[in-house]
Amino acid sequence: MENKLKIKLSIADRVYPLTVELSQEEGLRSASKKIDLMIKQFEENYAVRDKQDVLAMCALQFASQLEQKLMENSIDGTQAMDRIKSLNERLDQYLAKGSE
C-alpha cells in the first residue's frame, strides 16, 4: 500500500474517492478536468436537461477519439512494418554482395 494514494476527484459535481497508484494521480486529475470542461461545453452549446446525457456524450467523444487514434496507429504500424521489411531486404542484399 506504500505506492498507493487516496485522492478525491470531482466529476459533474460529484466527488469520487479513489485509491490509485502514485504514478496515476496526475493523469487522473487531468482527465477529470478535461471531463468537466467538456461537460461545460456541452451544457453551454446544447439544451441538456440531464447530467447523464452530458456524461454519455462525453464518454462517446472520448471513446471516439481513442478509436480514431488506434486506427491511425494501426495504419502507421503497418506502414512501419513494410518499411522495416524493405530495409531488411536491402540490408540482406548489401550483405550478400559483400560476402561474394
PDB file of N, CA and C in Angstrom:
ATOM      1  N   MET A   1       0.825  -1.199   0.000  1.00  0.00           N
ATOM      2  CA  MET A   1       0.000   0.000   0.000  1.00  0.00           C
ATOM      3  C   MET A   1       0.866   1.258   0.000  1.00  0.00           C
ATOM      4  N   GLU A   2       2.179   1.094   0.023  1.00  0.00           N
ATOM      5  CA  GLU A   2       3.051   2.264   0.099  1.00  0.00           C
ATOM      6  C   GLU A   2       3.052   3.099  -1.169  1.00  0.00           C
ATOM      7  N   ASN A   3       2.769   2.492  -2.334  1.00  0.00           N
ATOM      8  CA  ASN A   3       2.722   3.244  -3.586  1.00  0.00           C
ATOM      9  C   ASN A   3       1.322   3.745  -3.901  1.00  0.00           C
ATOM     10  N   LYS A   4       0.389   3.528  -3.014  1.00  0.00           N
ATOM     11  CA  LYS A   4      -0.999   3.936  -3.232  1.00  0.00           C
ATOM     12  C   LYS A   4      -1.248   5.299  -2.603  1.00  0.00           C
ATOM     13  N   LEU A   5      -2.186   6.008  -3.213  1.00  0.00           N
ATOM     14  CA  LEU A   5      -2.524   7.350  -2.766  1.00  0.00           C
ATOM     15  C   LEU A   5      -4.034   7.480  -2.767  1.00  0.00           C
ATOM     16  N   LYS A   6      -4.591   8.046  -1.721  1.00  0.00           N
ATOM     17  CA  LYS A   6      -6.028   8.283  -1.670  1.00  0.00           C
ATOM     18  C   LYS A   6      -6.302   9.699  -2.157  1.00  0.00           C
ATOM     19  N   ILE A   7      -7.125   9.786  -3.187  1.00  0.00           N
ATOM     20  CA  ILE A   7      -7.463  11.096  -3.746  1.00  0.00           C
ATOM     21  C   ILE A   7      -8.972  11.205  -3.891  1.00  0.00           C
ATOM     22  N   LYS A   8      -9.430  12.426  -4.088  1.00  0.00           N
ATOM     23  CA  LYS A   8     -10.843  12.673  -4.373  1.00  0.00           C
ATOM     24  C   LYS A   8     -10.917  13.459  -5.663  1.00  0.00           C
ATOM     25  N   LEU A   9     -11.686  12.928  -6.611  1.00  0.00           N
ATOM     26  CA  LEU A   9     -11.874  13.611  -7.881  1.00  0.00           C
ATOM     27  C   LEU A   9     -13.311  14.081  -7.984  1.00  0.00           C
ATOM     28  N   SER A  10     -13.489  15.288  -8.480  1.00  0.00           N
ATOM     29  CA  SER A  10     -14.823  15.831  -8.691  1.00  0.00           C
ATOM     30  C   SER A  10     -15.128  15.781 -10.179  1.00  0.00           C
ATOM     31  N   ILE A  11     -16.216  15.069 -10.508  1.00  0.00           N
ATOM     32  CA  ILE A  11     -16.665  14.974 -11.889  1.00  0.00           C
ATOM     33  C   ILE A  11     -18.169  15.221 -11.897  1.00  0.00           C
ATOM     34  N   ALA A  12     -18.597  16.189 -12.686  1.00  0.00           N
ATOM     35  CA  ALA A  12     -20.020  16.518 -12.809  1.00  0.00           C
ATOM     36  C   ALA A  12     -20.651  16.804 -11.445  1.00  0.00           C
ATOM     37  N   ASP A  13     -19.956  17.582 -10.646  1.00  0.00           N
ATOM     38  CA  ASP A  13     -20.433  17.994  -9.323  1.00  0.00           C
ATOM     39  C   ASP A  13     -20.618  16.843  -8.334  1.00  0.00           C
ATOM     40  N   ARG A  14     -19.925  15.757  -8.572  1.00  0.00           N
ATOM     41  CA  ARG A  14     -19.907  14.643  -7.623  1.00  0.00           C
ATOM     42  C   ARG A  14     -18.462  14.339  -7.285  1.00  0.00           C
ATOM     43  N   VAL A  15     -18.242  13.945  -6.036  1.00  0.00           N
ATOM     44  CA  VAL A  15     -16.892  13.632  -5.579  1.00  0.00           C
ATOM     45  C   VAL A  15     -16.732  12.116  -5.543  1.00  0.00           C
ATOM     46  N   TYR A  16     -15.624  11.665  -6.121  1.00  0.00           N
ATOM     47  CA  TYR A  16     -15.322  10.250  -6.179  1.00  0.00           C
ATOM     48  C   TYR A  16     -14.005   9.980  -5.459  1.00  0.00           C
ATOM     49  N   PRO A  17     -14.066   9.308  -4.299  1.00  0.00           N
ATOM     50  CA  PRO A  17     -12.820   8.952  -3.616  1.00  0.00           C
ATOM     51  C   PRO A  17     -12.198   7.731  -4.292  1.00  0.00           C
ATOM     52  N   LEU A  18     -10.902   7.818  -4.550  1.00  0.00           N
ATOM     53  CA  LEU A  18     -10.195   6.733  -5.234  1.00  0.00           C
ATOM     54  C   LEU A  18      -8.887   6.435  -4.524  1.00  0.00           C
ATOM     55  N   THR A  19      -8.471   5.194  -4.599  1.00  0.00           N
ATOM     56  CA  THR A  19      -7.141   4.802  -4.171  1.00  0.00           C
ATOM     57  C   THR A  19      -6.402   4.408  -5.431  1.00  0.00           C
ATOM     58  N   VAL A  20      -5.331   5.132  -5.737  1.00  0.00           N
ATOM     59  CA  VAL A  20      -4.638   4.962  -7.017  1.00  0.00           C
ATOM     60  C   VAL A  20      -3.135   4.836  -6.795  1.00  0.00           C
ATOM     61  N   GLU A  21      -2.482   4.362  -7.837  1.00  0.00           N
ATOM     62  CA  GLU A  21      -1.019   4.353  -7.833  1.00  0.00           C
ATOM     63  C   GLU A  21      -0.539   5.807  -7.887  1.00  0.00           C
ATOM     64  N   LEU A  22       0.548   6.081  -7.251  1.00  0.00           N
ATOM     65  CA  LEU A  22       1.114   7.426  -7.240  1.00  0.00           C
ATOM     66  C   LEU A  22       1.345   7.930  -8.660  1.00  0.00           C
ATOM     67  N   SER A  23       1.772   7.032  -9.545  1.00  0.00           N
ATOM     68  CA  SER A  23       2.066   7.412 -10.925  1.00  0.00           C
ATOM     69  C   SER A  23       0.803   7.748 -11.729  1.00  0.00           C
ATOM     70  N   GLN A  24      -0.373   7.367 -11.243  1.00  0.00           N
ATOM     71  CA  GLN A  24      -1.622   7.618 -11.952  1.00  0.00           C
ATOM     72  C   GLN A  24      -2.284   8.936 -11.567  1.00  0.00           C
ATOM     73  N   GLU A  25      -1.885   9.514 -10.462  1.00  0.00           N
ATOM     74  CA  GLU A  25      -2.592  10.685  -9.930  1.00  0.00           C
ATOM     75  C   GLU A  25      -2.697  11.825 -10.932  1.00  0.00           C
ATOM     76  N   GLU A  26      -1.596  12.225 -11.501  1.00  0.00           N
ATOM     77  CA  GLU A  26      -1.600  13.374 -12.410  1.00  0.00           C
ATOM     78  C   GLU A  26      -2.508  13.127 -13.614  1.00  0.00           C
ATOM     79  N   GLY A  27      -2.437  11.944 -14.183  1.00  0.00           N
ATOM     80  CA  GLY A  27      -3.276  11.606 -15.325  1.00  0.00           C
ATOM     81  C   GLY A  27      -4.753  11.613 -14.989  1.00  0.00           C
ATOM     82  N   LEU A  28      -5.091  11.083 -13.812  1.00  0.00           N
ATOM     83  CA  LEU A  28      -6.495  11.063 -13.395  1.00  0.00           C
ATOM     84  C   LEU A  28      -7.017  12.469 -13.129  1.00  0.00           C
ATOM     85  N   ARG A  29      -6.216  13.289 -12.503  1.00  0.00           N
ATOM     86  CA  ARG A  29      -6.654  14.673 -12.242  1.00  0.00           C
ATOM     87  C   ARG A  29      -6.827  15.441 -13.559  1.00  0.00           C
ATOM     88  N   SER A  30      -5.922  15.226 -14.489  1.00  0.00           N
ATOM     89  CA  SER A  30      -6.026  15.868 -15.791  1.00  0.00           C
ATOM     90  C   SER A  30      -7.281  15.390 -16.530  1.00  0.00           C
ATOM     91  N   ALA A  31      -7.542  14.098 -16.494  1.00  0.00           N
ATOM     92  CA  ALA A  31      -8.730  13.546 -17.148  1.00  0.00           C
ATOM     93  C   ALA A  31     -10.000  14.107 -16.527  1.00  0.00           C
ATOM     94  N   SER A  32     -10.017  14.235 -15.210  1.00  0.00           N
ATOM     95  CA  SER A  32     -11.169  14.790 -14.507  1.00  0.00           C
ATOM     96  C   SER A  32     -11.448  16.223 -14.959  1.00  0.00           C
ATOM     97  N   LYS A  33     -10.390  17.006 -15.088  1.00  0.00           N
ATOM     98  CA  LYS A  33     -10.541  18.397 -15.546  1.00  0.00           C
ATOM     99  C   LYS A  33     -11.056  18.452 -16.979  1.00  0.00           C
ATOM    100  N   LYS A  34     -10.544  17.560 -17.840  1.00  0.00           N
ATOM    101  CA  LYS A  34     -11.000  17.533 -19.229  1.00  0.00           C
ATOM    102  C   LYS A  34     -12.475  17.149 -19.323  1.00  0.00           C
ATOM    103  N   ILE A  35     -12.892  16.208 -18.501  1.00  0.00           N
ATOM    104  CA  ILE A  35     -14.304  15.808 -18.484  1.00  0.00           C
ATOM    105  C   ILE A  35     -15.173  16.976 -18.060  1.00  0.00           C
ATOM    106  N   ASP A  36     -14.797  17.656 -16.988  1.00  0.00           N
ATOM    107  CA  ASP A  36     -15.589  18.795 -16.521  1.00  0.00           C
ATOM    108  C   ASP A  36     -15.639  19.912 -17.553  1.00  0.00           C
ATOM    109  N   LEU A  37     -14.530  20.146 -18.246  1.00  0.00           N
ATOM    110  CA  LEU A  37     -14.509  21.164 -19.295  1.00  0.00           C
ATOM    111  C   LEU A  37     -15.435  20.767 -20.443  1.00  0.00           C
ATOM    112  N   MET A  38     -15.409  19.505 -20.819  1.00  0.00           N
ATOM    113  CA  MET A  38     -16.271  19.027 -21.894  1.00  0.00           C
ATOM    114  C   MET A  38     -17.744  19.108 -21.487  1.00  0.00           C
ATOM    115  N   ILE A  39     -18.030  18.786 -20.240  1.00  0.00           N
ATOM    116  CA  ILE A  39     -19.404  18.896 -19.731  1.00  0.00           C
ATOM    117  C   ILE A  39     -19.880  20.331 -19.861  1.00  0.00           C
ATOM    118  N   LYS A  40     -19.037  21.262 -19.439  1.00  0.00           N
ATOM    119  CA  LYS A  40     -19.387  22.680 -19.507  1.00  0.00           C
ATOM    120  C   LYS A  40     -19.666  23.101 -20.946  1.00  0.00           C
ATOM    121  N   GLN A  41     -18.838  22.636 -21.881  1.00  0.00           N
ATOM    122  CA  GLN A  41     -19.033  22.985 -23.290  1.00  0.00           C
ATOM    123  C   GLN A  41     -20.346  22.416 -23.824  1.00  0.00           C
ATOM    124  N   PHE A  42     -20.651  21.169 -23.480  1.00  0.00           N
ATOM    125  CA  PHE A  42     -21.917  20.574 -23.928  1.00  0.00           C
ATOM    126  C   PHE A  42     -23.108  21.333 -23.341  1.00  0.00           C
ATOM    127  N   GLU A  43     -23.013  21.685 -22.076  1.00  0.00           N
ATOM    128  CA  GLU A  43     -24.129  22.396 -21.432  1.00  0.00           C
ATOM    129  C   GLU A  43     -24.326  23.786 -22.027  1.00  0.00           C
ATOM    130  N   GLU A  44     -23.231  24.438 -22.413  1.00  0.00           N
ATOM    131  CA  GLU A  44     -23.344  25.772 -22.994  1.00  0.00           C
ATOM    132  C   GLU A  44     -23.864  25.737 -24.433  1.00  0.00           C
ATOM    133  N   ASN A  45     -23.522  24.700 -25.175  1.00  0.00           N
ATOM    134  CA  ASN A  45     -23.852  24.647 -26.592  1.00  0.00           C
ATOM    135  C   ASN A  45     -25.147  23.892 -26.925  1.00  0.00           C
ATOM    136  N   TYR A  46     -25.634  23.088 -26.012  1.00  0.00           N
ATOM    137  CA  TYR A  46     -26.821  22.285 -26.280  1.00  0.00           C
ATOM    138  C   TYR A  46     -27.798  22.399 -25.120  1.00  0.00           C
ATOM    139  N   ALA A  47     -29.072  22.244 -25.436  1.00  0.00           N
ATOM    140  CA  ALA A  47     -30.105  22.263 -24.387  1.00  0.00           C
ATOM    141  C   ALA A  47     -30.124  20.889 -23.727  1.00  0.00           C
ATOM    142  N   VAL A  48     -29.392  20.769 -22.643  1.00  0.00           N
ATOM    143  CA  VAL A  48     -29.270  19.486 -21.956  1.00  0.00           C
ATOM    144  C   VAL A  48     -30.031  19.553 -20.646  1.00  0.00           C
ATOM    145  N   ARG A  49     -30.868  18.558 -20.438  1.00  0.00           N
ATOM    146  CA  ARG A  49     -31.661  18.544 -19.206  1.00  0.00           C
ATOM    147  C   ARG A  49     -31.087  17.603 -18.150  1.00  0.00           C
ATOM    148  N   ASP A  50     -30.325  16.651 -18.581  1.00  0.00           N
ATOM    149  CA  ASP A  50     -29.891  15.603 -17.664  1.00  0.00           C
ATOM    150  C   ASP A  50     -28.368  15.450 -17.717  1.00  0.00           C
ATOM    151  N   LYS A  51     -27.745  15.405 -16.549  1.00  0.00           N
ATOM    152  CA  LYS A  51     -26.283  15.226 -16.484  1.00  0.00           C
ATOM    153  C   LYS A  51     -25.869  13.909 -17.126  1.00  0.00           C
ATOM    154  N   GLN A  52     -26.722  12.890 -17.014  1.00  0.00           N
ATOM    155  CA  GLN A  52     -26.375  11.598 -17.591  1.00  0.00           C
ATOM    156  C   GLN A  52     -26.235  11.699 -19.114  1.00  0.00           C
ATOM    157  N   ASP A  53     -27.083  12.510 -19.738  1.00  0.00           N
ATOM    158  CA  ASP A  53     -26.963  12.708 -21.184  1.00  0.00           C
ATOM    159  C   ASP A  53     -25.619  13.358 -21.530  1.00  0.00           C
ATOM    160  N   VAL A  54     -25.241  14.336 -20.745  1.00  0.00           N
ATOM    161  CA  VAL A  54     -23.962  15.023 -20.980  1.00  0.00           C
ATOM    162  C   VAL A  54     -22.803  14.061 -20.758  1.00  0.00           C
ATOM    163  N   LEU A  55     -22.866  13.268 -19.699  1.00  0.00           N
ATOM    164  CA  LEU A  55     -21.796  12.310 -19.434  1.00  0.00           C
ATOM    165  C   LEU A  55     -21.715  11.257 -20.540  1.00  0.00           C
ATOM    166  N   ALA A  56     -22.860  10.842 -21.063  1.00  0.00           N
ATOM    167  CA  ALA A  56     -22.864   9.876 -22.171  1.00  0.00           C
ATOM    168  C   ALA A  56     -22.199  10.484 -23.405  1.00  0.00           C
ATOM    169  N   MET A  57     -22.475  11.740 -23.684  1.00  0.00           N
ATOM    170  CA  MET A  57     -21.854  12.405 -24.825  1.00  0.00           C
ATOM    171  C   MET A  57     -20.346  12.563 -24.615  1.00  0.00           C
ATOM    172  N   CYS A  58     -19.942  12.860 -23.393  1.00  0.00           N
ATOM    173  CA  CYS A  58     -18.506  12.940 -23.082  1.00  0.00           C
ATOM    174  C   CYS A  58     -17.843  11.578 -23.306  1.00  0.00           C
ATOM    175  N   ALA A  59     -18.468  10.526 -22.810  1.00  0.00           N
ATOM    176  CA  ALA A  59     -17.915   9.181 -22.977  1.00  0.00           C
ATOM    177  C   ALA A  59     -17.800   8.836 -24.457  1.00  0.00           C
ATOM    178  N   LEU A  60     -18.831   9.177 -25.222  1.00  0.00           N
ATOM    179  CA  LEU A  60     -18.810   8.905 -26.653  1.00  0.00           C
ATOM    180  C   LEU A  60     -17.682   9.673 -27.339  1.00  0.00           C
ATOM    181  N   GLN A  61     -17.503  10.914 -26.981  1.00  0.00           N
ATOM    182  CA  GLN A  61     -16.459  11.724 -27.606  1.00  0.00           C
ATOM    183  C   GLN A  61     -15.070  11.190 -27.265  1.00  0.00           C
ATOM    184  N   PHE A  62     -14.836  10.853 -25.985  1.00  0.00           N
ATOM    185  CA  PHE A  62     -13.532  10.314 -25.598  1.00  0.00           C
ATOM    186  C   PHE A  62     -13.272   8.965 -26.270  1.00  0.00           C
ATOM    187  N   ALA A  63     -14.296   8.101 -26.307  1.00  0.00           N
ATOM    188  CA  ALA A  63     -14.134   6.789 -26.940  1.00  0.00           C
ATOM    189  C   ALA A  63     -13.865   6.942 -28.430  1.00  0.00           C
ATOM    190  N   SER A  64     -14.546   7.881 -29.054  1.00  0.00           N
ATOM    191  CA  SER A  64     -14.354   8.136 -30.471  1.00  0.00           C
ATOM    192  C   SER A  64     -12.928   8.604 -30.747  1.00  0.00           C
ATOM    193  N   GLN A  65     -12.428   9.506 -29.918  1.00  0.00           N
ATOM    194  CA  GLN A  65     -11.055   9.991 -30.086  1.00  0.00           C
ATOM    195  C   GLN A  65     -10.055   8.850 -29.914  1.00  0.00           C
ATOM    196  N   LEU A  66     -10.292   7.984 -28.938  1.00  0.00           N
ATOM    197  CA  LEU A  66      -9.401   6.849 -28.706  1.00  0.00           C
ATOM    198  C   LEU A  66      -9.419   5.898 -29.899  1.00  0.00           C
ATOM    199  N   GLU A  67     -10.605   5.591 -30.400  1.00  0.00           N
ATOM    200  CA  GLU A  67     -10.715   4.697 -31.554  1.00  0.00           C
ATOM    201  C   GLU A  67     -10.006   5.276 -32.770  1.00  0.00           C
ATOM    202  N   GLN A  68     -10.160   6.576 -32.981  1.00  0.00           N
ATOM    203  CA  GLN A  68      -9.500   7.217 -34.117  1.00  0.00           C
ATOM    204  C   GLN A  68      -7.986   7.096 -33.996  1.00  0.00           C
ATOM    205  N   LYS A  69      -7.463   7.333 -32.799  1.00  0.00           N
ATOM    206  CA  LYS A  69      -6.016   7.217 -32.584  1.00  0.00           C
ATOM    207  C   LYS A  69      -5.550   5.783 -32.807  1.00  0.00           C
ATOM    208  N   LEU A  70      -6.331   4.807 -32.317  1.00  0.00           N
ATOM    209  CA  LEU A  70      -5.961   3.405 -32.504  1.00  0.00           C
ATOM    210  C   LEU A  70      -5.932   3.039 -33.981  1.00  0.00           C
ATOM    211  N   MET A  71      -6.911   3.530 -34.734  1.00  0.00           N
ATOM    212  CA  MET A  71      -6.941   3.250 -36.170  1.00  0.00           C
ATOM    213  C   MET A  71      -5.740   3.894 -36.864  1.00  0.00           C
ATOM    214  N   GLU A  72      -5.423   5.132 -36.489  1.00  0.00           N
ATOM    215  CA  GLU A  72      -4.268   5.811 -37.077  1.00  0.00           C
ATOM    216  C   GLU A  72      -2.980   5.074 -36.748  1.00  0.00           C
ATOM    217  N   ASN A  73      -2.855   4.601 -35.501  1.00  0.00           N
ATOM    218  CA  ASN A  73      -1.646   3.889 -35.097  1.00  0.00           C
ATOM    219  C   ASN A  73      -1.521   2.550 -35.807  1.00  0.00           C
ATOM    220  N   SER A  74      -2.635   1.863 -36.031  1.00  0.00           N
ATOM    221  CA  SER A  74      -2.549   0.573 -36.709  1.00  0.00           C
ATOM    222  C   SER A  74      -2.137   0.774 -38.160  1.00  0.00           C
ATOM    223  N   ILE A  75      -2.603   1.854 -38.767  1.00  0.00           N
ATOM    224  CA  ILE A  75      -2.186   2.158 -40.132  1.00  0.00           C
ATOM    225  C   ILE A  75      -0.697   2.481 -40.144  1.00  0.00           C
ATOM    226  N   ASP A  76      -0.274   3.325 -39.211  1.00  0.00           N
ATOM    227  CA  ASP A  76       1.136   3.684 -39.128  1.00  0.00           C
ATOM    228  C   ASP A  76       1.988   2.461 -38.829  1.00  0.00           C
ATOM    229  N   GLY A  77       1.491   1.555 -38.007  1.00  0.00           N
ATOM    230  CA  GLY A  77       2.222   0.342 -37.673  1.00  0.00           C
ATOM    231  C   GLY A  77       2.433  -0.529 -38.890  1.00  0.00           C
ATOM    232  N   THR A  78       1.428  -0.636 -39.724  1.00  0.00           N
ATOM    233  CA  THR A  78       1.540  -1.434 -40.946  1.00  0.00           C
ATOM    234  C   THR A  78       2.565  -0.811 -41.873  1.00  0.00           C
ATOM    235  N   GLN A  79       2.500   0.485 -42.022  1.00  0.00           N
ATOM    236  CA  GLN A  79       3.467   1.168 -42.886  1.00  0.00           C
ATOM    237  C   GLN A  79       4.886   1.016 -42.342  1.00  0.00           C
ATOM    238  N   ALA A  80       5.020   1.110 -41.045  1.00  0.00           N
ATOM    239  CA  ALA A  80       6.346   0.971 -40.436  1.00  0.00           C
ATOM    240  C   ALA A  80       6.890  -0.439 -40.665  1.00  0.00           C
ATOM    241  N   MET A  81       6.029  -1.451 -40.513  1.00  0.00           N
ATOM    242  CA  MET A  81       6.474  -2.829 -40.734  1.00  0.00           C
ATOM    243  C   MET A  81       6.902  -3.035 -42.187  1.00  0.00           C
ATOM    244  N   ASP A  82       6.151  -2.458 -43.125  1.00  0.00           N
ATOM    245  CA  ASP A  82       6.527  -2.567 -44.532  1.00  0.00           C
ATOM    246  C   ASP A  82       7.886  -1.925 -44.786  1.00  0.00           C
ATOM    247  N   ARG A  83       8.115  -0.792 -44.177  1.00  0.00           N
ATOM    248  CA  ARG A  83       9.403  -0.108 -44.350  1.00  0.00           C
ATOM    249  C   ARG A  83      10.538  -0.912 -43.739  1.00  0.00           C
ATOM    250  N   ILE A  84      10.287  -1.512 -42.582  1.00  0.00           N
ATOM    251  CA  ILE A  84      11.316  -2.334 -41.931  1.00  0.00           C
ATOM    252  C   ILE A  84      11.649  -3.544 -42.791  1.00  0.00           C
ATOM    253  N   LYS A  85      10.619  -4.187 -43.346  1.00  0.00           N
ATOM    254  CA  LYS A  85      10.855  -5.340 -44.225  1.00  0.00           C
ATOM    255  C   LYS A  85      11.687  -4.929 -45.446  1.00  0.00           C
ATOM    256  N   SER A  86      11.345  -3.795 -46.019  1.00  0.00           N
ATOM    257  CA  SER A  86      12.081  -3.305 -47.177  1.00  0.00           C
ATOM    258  C   SER A  86      13.536  -3.036 -46.820  1.00  0.00           C
ATOM    259  N   LEU A  87      13.755  -2.405 -45.684  1.00  0.00           N
ATOM    260  CA  LEU A  87      15.126  -2.130 -45.247  1.00  0.00           C
ATOM    261  C   LEU A  87      15.890  -3.421 -44.981  1.00  0.00           C
ATOM    262  N   ASN A  88      15.222  -4.404 -44.392  1.00  0.00           N
ATOM    263  CA  ASN A  88      15.872  -5.697 -44.141  1.00  0.00           C
ATOM    264  C   ASN A  88      16.278  -6.366 -45.448  1.00  0.00           C
ATOM    265  N   GLU A  89      15.396  -6.300 -46.449  1.00  0.00           N
ATOM    266  CA  GLU A  89      15.716  -6.889 -47.749  1.00  0.00           C
ATOM    267  C   GLU A  89      16.923  -6.191 -48.373  1.00  0.00           C
ATOM    268  N   ARG A  90      16.936  -4.885 -48.314  1.00  0.00           N
ATOM    269  CA  ARG A  90      18.064  -4.129 -48.871  1.00  0.00           C
ATOM    270  C   ARG A  90      19.355  -4.446 -48.122  1.00  0.00           C
ATOM    271  N   LEU A  91      19.261  -4.564 -46.805  1.00  0.00           N
ATOM    272  CA  LEU A  91      20.433  -4.890 -45.997  1.00  0.00           C
ATOM    273  C   LEU A  91      20.933  -6.290 -46.333  1.00  0.00           C
ATOM    274  N   ASP A  92      20.010  -7.250 -46.489  1.00  0.00           N
ATOM    275  CA  ASP A  92      20.404  -8.607 -46.879  1.00  0.00           C
ATOM    276  C   ASP A  92      21.120  -8.606 -48.224  1.00  0.00           C
ATOM    277  N   GLN A  93      20.589  -7.833 -49.172  1.00  0.00           N
ATOM    278  CA  GLN A  93      21.218  -7.748 -50.493  1.00  0.00           C
ATOM    279  C   GLN A  93      22.616  -7.153 -50.386  1.00  0.00           C
ATOM    280  N   TYR A  94      22.757  -6.118 -49.597  1.00  0.00           N
ATOM    281  CA  TYR A  94      24.059  -5.466 -49.425  1.00  0.00           C
ATOM    282  C   TYR A  94      25.057  -6.421 -48.776  1.00  0.00           C
ATOM    283  N   LEU A  95      24.607  -7.138 -47.735  1.00  0.00           N
ATOM    284  CA  LEU A  95      25.495  -8.071 -47.056  1.00  0.00           C
ATOM    285  C   LEU A  95      25.859  -9.251 -47.950  1.00  0.00           C
ATOM    286  N   ALA A  96      24.924  -9.668 -48.783  1.00  0.00           N
ATOM    287  CA  ALA A  96      25.201 -10.772 -49.710  1.00  0.00           C
ATOM    288  C   ALA A  96      26.271 -10.353 -50.720  1.00  0.00           C
ATOM    289  N   LYS A  97      26.213  -9.129 -51.191  1.00  0.00           N
ATOM    290  CA  LYS A  97      27.213  -8.627 -52.132  1.00  0.00           C
ATOM    291  C   LYS A  97      28.588  -8.538 -51.482  1.00  0.00           C
ATOM    292  N   GLY A  98      28.615  -8.165 -50.220  1.00  0.00           N
ATOM    293  CA  GLY A  98      29.881  -8.005 -49.507  1.00  0.00           C
ATOM    294  C   GLY A  98      30.566  -9.321 -49.242  1.00  0.00           C
ATOM    295  N   SER A  99      29.827 -10.417 -49.170  1.00  0.00           N
ATOM    296  CA  SER A  99      30.440 -11.697 -48.874  1.00  0.00           C
ATOM    297  C   SER A  99      30.877 -12.444 -50.125  1.00  0.00           C
ATOM    298  N   GLU A 100      30.575 -11.880 -51.294  1.00  0.00           N
ATOM    299  CA  GLU A 100      30.966 -12.536 -52.554  1.00  0.00           C
ATOM    300  C   GLU A 100      32.391 -12.286 -52.894  1.00  0.00           C
TER     301      GLU A 100
END
